[in-house]
Amino acid sequence: QVQLVESGGGLVQPGGSLRLSCAASGSRFSIYAMGWYRQAPGKQRELVVVITSAGMTNYVDSVKGRFTISRINAENTVYLQMNSLKPEDTTVYYCNANHTYLGSYWGQGTQVTVSS
């Protein structure tokens, strides 16, 4: 089982930056695909970006060129660097660890608010 703890959310002005972190428990972090999702009230949770165990990434079009995901397996941590933030990026961001055979796990979420 994997436990995920997100941090780094907060309030930022439009055009600003935030870096989210997701710390994972367990010794098999490197074999999981790690993703960041977001979910606004009343809407379905959507994938923002995923990074595979091999380091391949896939971003939703709305964040391409602004967000960057990275993972440091030695630290059991995945990061989401968010630049040029827009009000429409405001929502709760969730970290996910997924493996075909070991299951899918979620963090508790961290709030990101982009407002002047």
C-alpha atoms as a PDB file:
ATOM      1  CA  GLN A   1       0.000   0.000   0.000  1.00  0.00           C
ATOM      2  CA  VAL A   2       1.101   3.544  -0.759  1.00  0.00           C
ATOM      3  CA  GLN A   3       0.313   6.654   1.236  1.00  0.00           C
ATOM      4  CA  LEU A   4       0.583  10.009  -0.490  1.00  0.00           C
ATOM      5  CA  VAL A   5       0.827  13.423   1.133  1.00  0.00           C
ATOM      6  CA  GLU A   6       0.566  16.569  -0.980  1.00  0.00           C
ATOM      7  CA  SER A   7       1.828  19.982   0.002  1.00  0.00           C
ATOM      8  CA  GLY A   8       2.616  23.326  -1.568  1.00  0.00           C
ATOM      9  CA  GLY A   9      -0.820  24.621  -2.413  1.00  0.00           C
ATOM     10  CA  GLY A  10      -1.944  28.114  -1.559  1.00  0.00           C
ATOM     11  CA  LEU A  11      -3.035  31.484  -2.840  1.00  0.00           C
ATOM     12  CA  VAL A  12      -1.160  33.095  -5.700  1.00  0.00           C
ATOM     13  CA  GLN A  13      -1.805  35.994  -8.040  1.00  0.00           C
ATOM     14  CA  PRO A  14      -2.462  35.408 -11.744  1.00  0.00           C
ATOM     15  CA  GLY A  15       0.831  34.911 -13.531  1.00  0.00           C
ATOM     16  CA  GLY A  16       2.473  33.588 -10.402  1.00  0.00           C
ATOM     17  CA  SER A  17       4.012  30.221  -9.610  1.00  0.00           C
ATOM     18  CA  LEU A  18       3.587  27.410  -7.129  1.00  0.00           C
ATOM     19  CA  ARG A  19       5.327  24.089  -6.677  1.00  0.00           C
ATOM     20  CA  LEU A  20       3.309  21.174  -5.416  1.00  0.00           C
ATOM     21  CA  SER A  21       4.985  18.206  -3.766  1.00  0.00           C
ATOM     22  CA  CYS A  22       3.727  14.692  -3.237  1.00  0.00           C
ATOM     23  CA  ALA A  23       5.610  12.514  -0.789  1.00  0.00           C
ATOM     24  CA  ALA A  24       5.002   8.779  -0.988  1.00  0.00           C
ATOM     25  CA  SER A  25       5.512   6.071   1.581  1.00  0.00           C
ATOM     26  CA  GLY A  26       6.837   2.641   0.718  1.00  0.00           C
ATOM     27  CA  SER A  27       9.895   1.255  -0.997  1.00  0.00           C
ATOM     28  CA  ARG A  28       8.545   0.653  -4.491  1.00  0.00           C
ATOM     29  CA  PHE A  29       7.834   4.238  -5.491  1.00  0.00           C
ATOM     30  CA  SER A  30       9.902   4.019  -8.655  1.00  0.00           C
ATOM     31  CA  ILE A  31       7.662   1.434 -10.314  1.00  0.00           C
ATOM     32  CA  TYR A  32       4.495   3.507 -10.047  1.00  0.00           C
ATOM     33  CA  ALA A  33       3.223   5.929 -12.635  1.00  0.00           C
ATOM     34  CA  MET A  34       2.645   9.190 -10.780  1.00  0.00           C
ATOM     35  CA  GLY A  35       0.029  11.701 -11.754  1.00  0.00           C
ATOM     36  CA  TRP A  36      -1.459  15.000 -10.759  1.00  0.00           C
ATOM     37  CA  TYR A  37      -5.203  15.442 -11.101  1.00  0.00           C
ATOM     38  CA  ARG A  38      -7.528  18.282 -10.268  1.00  0.00           C
ATOM     39  CA  GLN A  39     -11.188  18.491  -9.453  1.00  0.00           C
ATOM     40  CA  ALA A  40     -13.388  21.556  -9.267  1.00  0.00           C
ATOM     41  CA  PRO A  41     -16.645  21.480  -7.294  1.00  0.00           C
ATOM     42  CA  GLY A  42     -19.365  19.706  -9.248  1.00  0.00           C
ATOM     43  CA  LYS A  43     -16.973  18.523 -11.935  1.00  0.00           C
ATOM     44  CA  GLN A  44     -15.206  15.280 -12.689  1.00  0.00           C
ATOM     45  CA  ARG A  45     -11.632  14.810 -11.613  1.00  0.00           C
ATOM     46  CA  GLU A  46      -9.352  15.439 -14.578  1.00  0.00           C
ATOM     47  CA  LEU A  47      -5.823  14.363 -15.328  1.00  0.00           C
ATOM     48  CA  VAL A  48      -3.354  17.238 -15.390  1.00  0.00           C
ATOM     49  CA  VAL A  49      -0.169  15.294 -16.079  1.00  0.00           C
ATOM     50  CA  VAL A  50       1.278  11.844 -15.576  1.00  0.00           C
ATOM     51  CA  ILE A  51       4.870  10.657 -15.435  1.00  0.00           C
ATOM     52  CA  THR A  52       5.564   6.977 -15.979  1.00  0.00           C
ATOM     53  CA  SER A  53       8.117   4.868 -14.179  1.00  0.00           C
ATOM     54  CA  ALA A  54      10.330   5.380 -17.250  1.00  0.00           C
ATOM     55  CA  GLY A  55      10.015   9.149 -17.026  1.00  0.00           C
ATOM     56  CA  MET A  56       7.677   9.689 -19.947  1.00  0.00           C
ATOM     57  CA  THR A  57       5.171  12.495 -19.460  1.00  0.00           C
ATOM     58  CA  ASN A  58       1.743  13.384 -20.780  1.00  0.00           C
ATOM     59  CA  TYR A  59       0.152  16.772 -20.122  1.00  0.00           C
ATOM     60  CA  VAL A  60      -3.373  18.002 -20.651  1.00  0.00           C
ATOM     61  CA  ASP A  61      -3.345  20.673 -23.357  1.00  0.00           C
ATOM     62  CA  SER A  62      -4.434  23.458 -21.027  1.00  0.00           C
ATOM     63  CA  VAL A  63      -1.230  23.266 -18.971  1.00  0.00           C
ATOM     64  CA  LYS A  64       1.359  22.484 -21.648  1.00  0.00           C
ATOM     65  CA  GLY A  65       4.208  24.951 -21.515  1.00  0.00           C
ATOM     66  CA  ARG A  66       3.197  26.159 -18.043  1.00  0.00           C
ATOM     67  CA  PHE A  67       3.367  23.106 -15.777  1.00  0.00           C
ATOM     68  CA  THR A  68       6.258  20.684 -15.349  1.00  0.00           C
ATOM     69  CA  ILE A  69       6.175  17.377 -13.538  1.00  0.00           C
ATOM     70  CA  SER A  70       9.263  15.737 -12.141  1.00  0.00           C
ATOM     71  CA  ARG A  71      10.032  12.828  -9.876  1.00  0.00           C
ATOM     72  CA  ILE A  72      12.960  12.006  -7.629  1.00  0.00           C
ATOM     73  CA  ASN A  73      12.763   8.322  -6.908  1.00  0.00           C
ATOM     74  CA  ALA A  74      15.475   8.470  -4.258  1.00  0.00           C
ATOM     75  CA  GLU A  75      13.239  10.854  -2.314  1.00  0.00           C
ATOM     76  CA  ASN A  76       9.929   9.082  -3.055  1.00  0.00           C
ATOM     77  CA  THR A  77       8.637  12.435  -4.234  1.00  0.00           C
ATOM     78  CA  VAL A  78       6.946  13.861  -7.280  1.00  0.00           C
ATOM     79  CA  TYR A  79       6.708  17.581  -7.965  1.00  0.00           C
ATOM     80  CA  LEU A  80       4.476  19.784 -10.040  1.00  0.00           C
ATOM     81  CA  GLN A  81       5.969  23.148 -10.950  1.00  0.00           C
ATOM     82  CA  MET A  82       3.172  25.463 -11.997  1.00  0.00           C
ATOM     83  CA  ASN A  83       4.059  28.717 -13.738  1.00  0.00           C
ATOM     84  CA  SER A  84       1.966  31.415 -15.382  1.00  0.00           C
ATOM     85  CA  LEU A  85      -0.985  30.406 -13.255  1.00  0.00           C
ATOM     86  CA  LYS A  86      -4.452  31.444 -14.334  1.00  0.00           C
ATOM     87  CA  PRO A  87      -7.680  31.845 -12.345  1.00  0.00           C
ATOM     88  CA  GLU A  88      -9.055  28.798 -14.128  1.00  0.00           C
ATOM     89  CA  ASP A  89      -6.299  26.703 -12.526  1.00  0.00           C
ATOM     90  CA  THR A  90      -8.024  27.254  -9.200  1.00  0.00           C
ATOM     91  CA  THR A  91      -9.140  23.972  -7.706  1.00  0.00           C
ATOM     92  CA  VAL A  92      -8.004  21.073  -5.532  1.00  0.00           C
ATOM     93  CA  TYR A  93      -5.014  19.137  -6.864  1.00  0.00           C
ATOM     94  CA  TYR A  94      -4.576  15.456  -6.094  1.00  0.00           C
ATOM     95  CA  CYS A  95      -1.560  13.196  -6.377  1.00  0.00           C
ATOM     96  CA  ASN A  96      -2.030   9.658  -7.684  1.00  0.00           C
ATOM     97  CA  ALA A  97       0.177   6.587  -7.735  1.00  0.00           C
ATOM     98  CA  ASN A  98      -0.874   3.914 -10.163  1.00  0.00           C
ATOM     99  CA  HIS A  99       0.391   0.459 -11.023  1.00  0.00           C
ATOM    100  CA  THR A 100      -1.398  -2.122 -13.109  1.00  0.00           C
ATOM    101  CA  TYR A 101      -1.011  -4.875 -10.544  1.00  0.00           C
ATOM    102  CA  LEU A 102      -0.383  -3.015  -7.264  1.00  0.00           C
ATOM    103  CA  GLY A 103      -3.329  -0.667  -7.455  1.00  0.00           C
ATOM    104  CA  SER A 104      -4.132   3.034  -7.504  1.00  0.00           C
ATOM    105  CA  TYR A 105      -3.705   5.387  -4.546  1.00  0.00           C
ATOM    106  CA  TRP A 106      -4.692   8.988  -3.868  1.00  0.00           C
ATOM    107  CA  GLY A 107      -3.516  11.761  -1.635  1.00  0.00           C
ATOM    108  CA  GLN A 108      -5.831  14.000   0.314  1.00  0.00           C
ATOM    109  CA  GLY A 109      -5.527  16.935  -2.061  1.00  0.00           C
ATOM    110  CA  THR A 110      -4.136  20.437  -1.813  1.00  0.00           C
ATOM    111  CA  GLN A 111      -5.993  23.629  -2.657  1.00  0.00           C
ATOM    112  CA  VAL A 112      -4.613  25.985  -5.291  1.00  0.00           C
ATOM    113  CA  THR A 113      -6.248  29.390  -5.584  1.00  0.00           C
ATOM    114  CA  VAL A 114      -5.247  31.859  -8.289  1.00  0.00           C
ATOM    115  CA  SER A 115      -6.737  35.257  -7.602  1.00  0.00           C
ATOM    116  CA  SER A 116      -5.801  38.904  -7.397  1.00  0.00           C
END
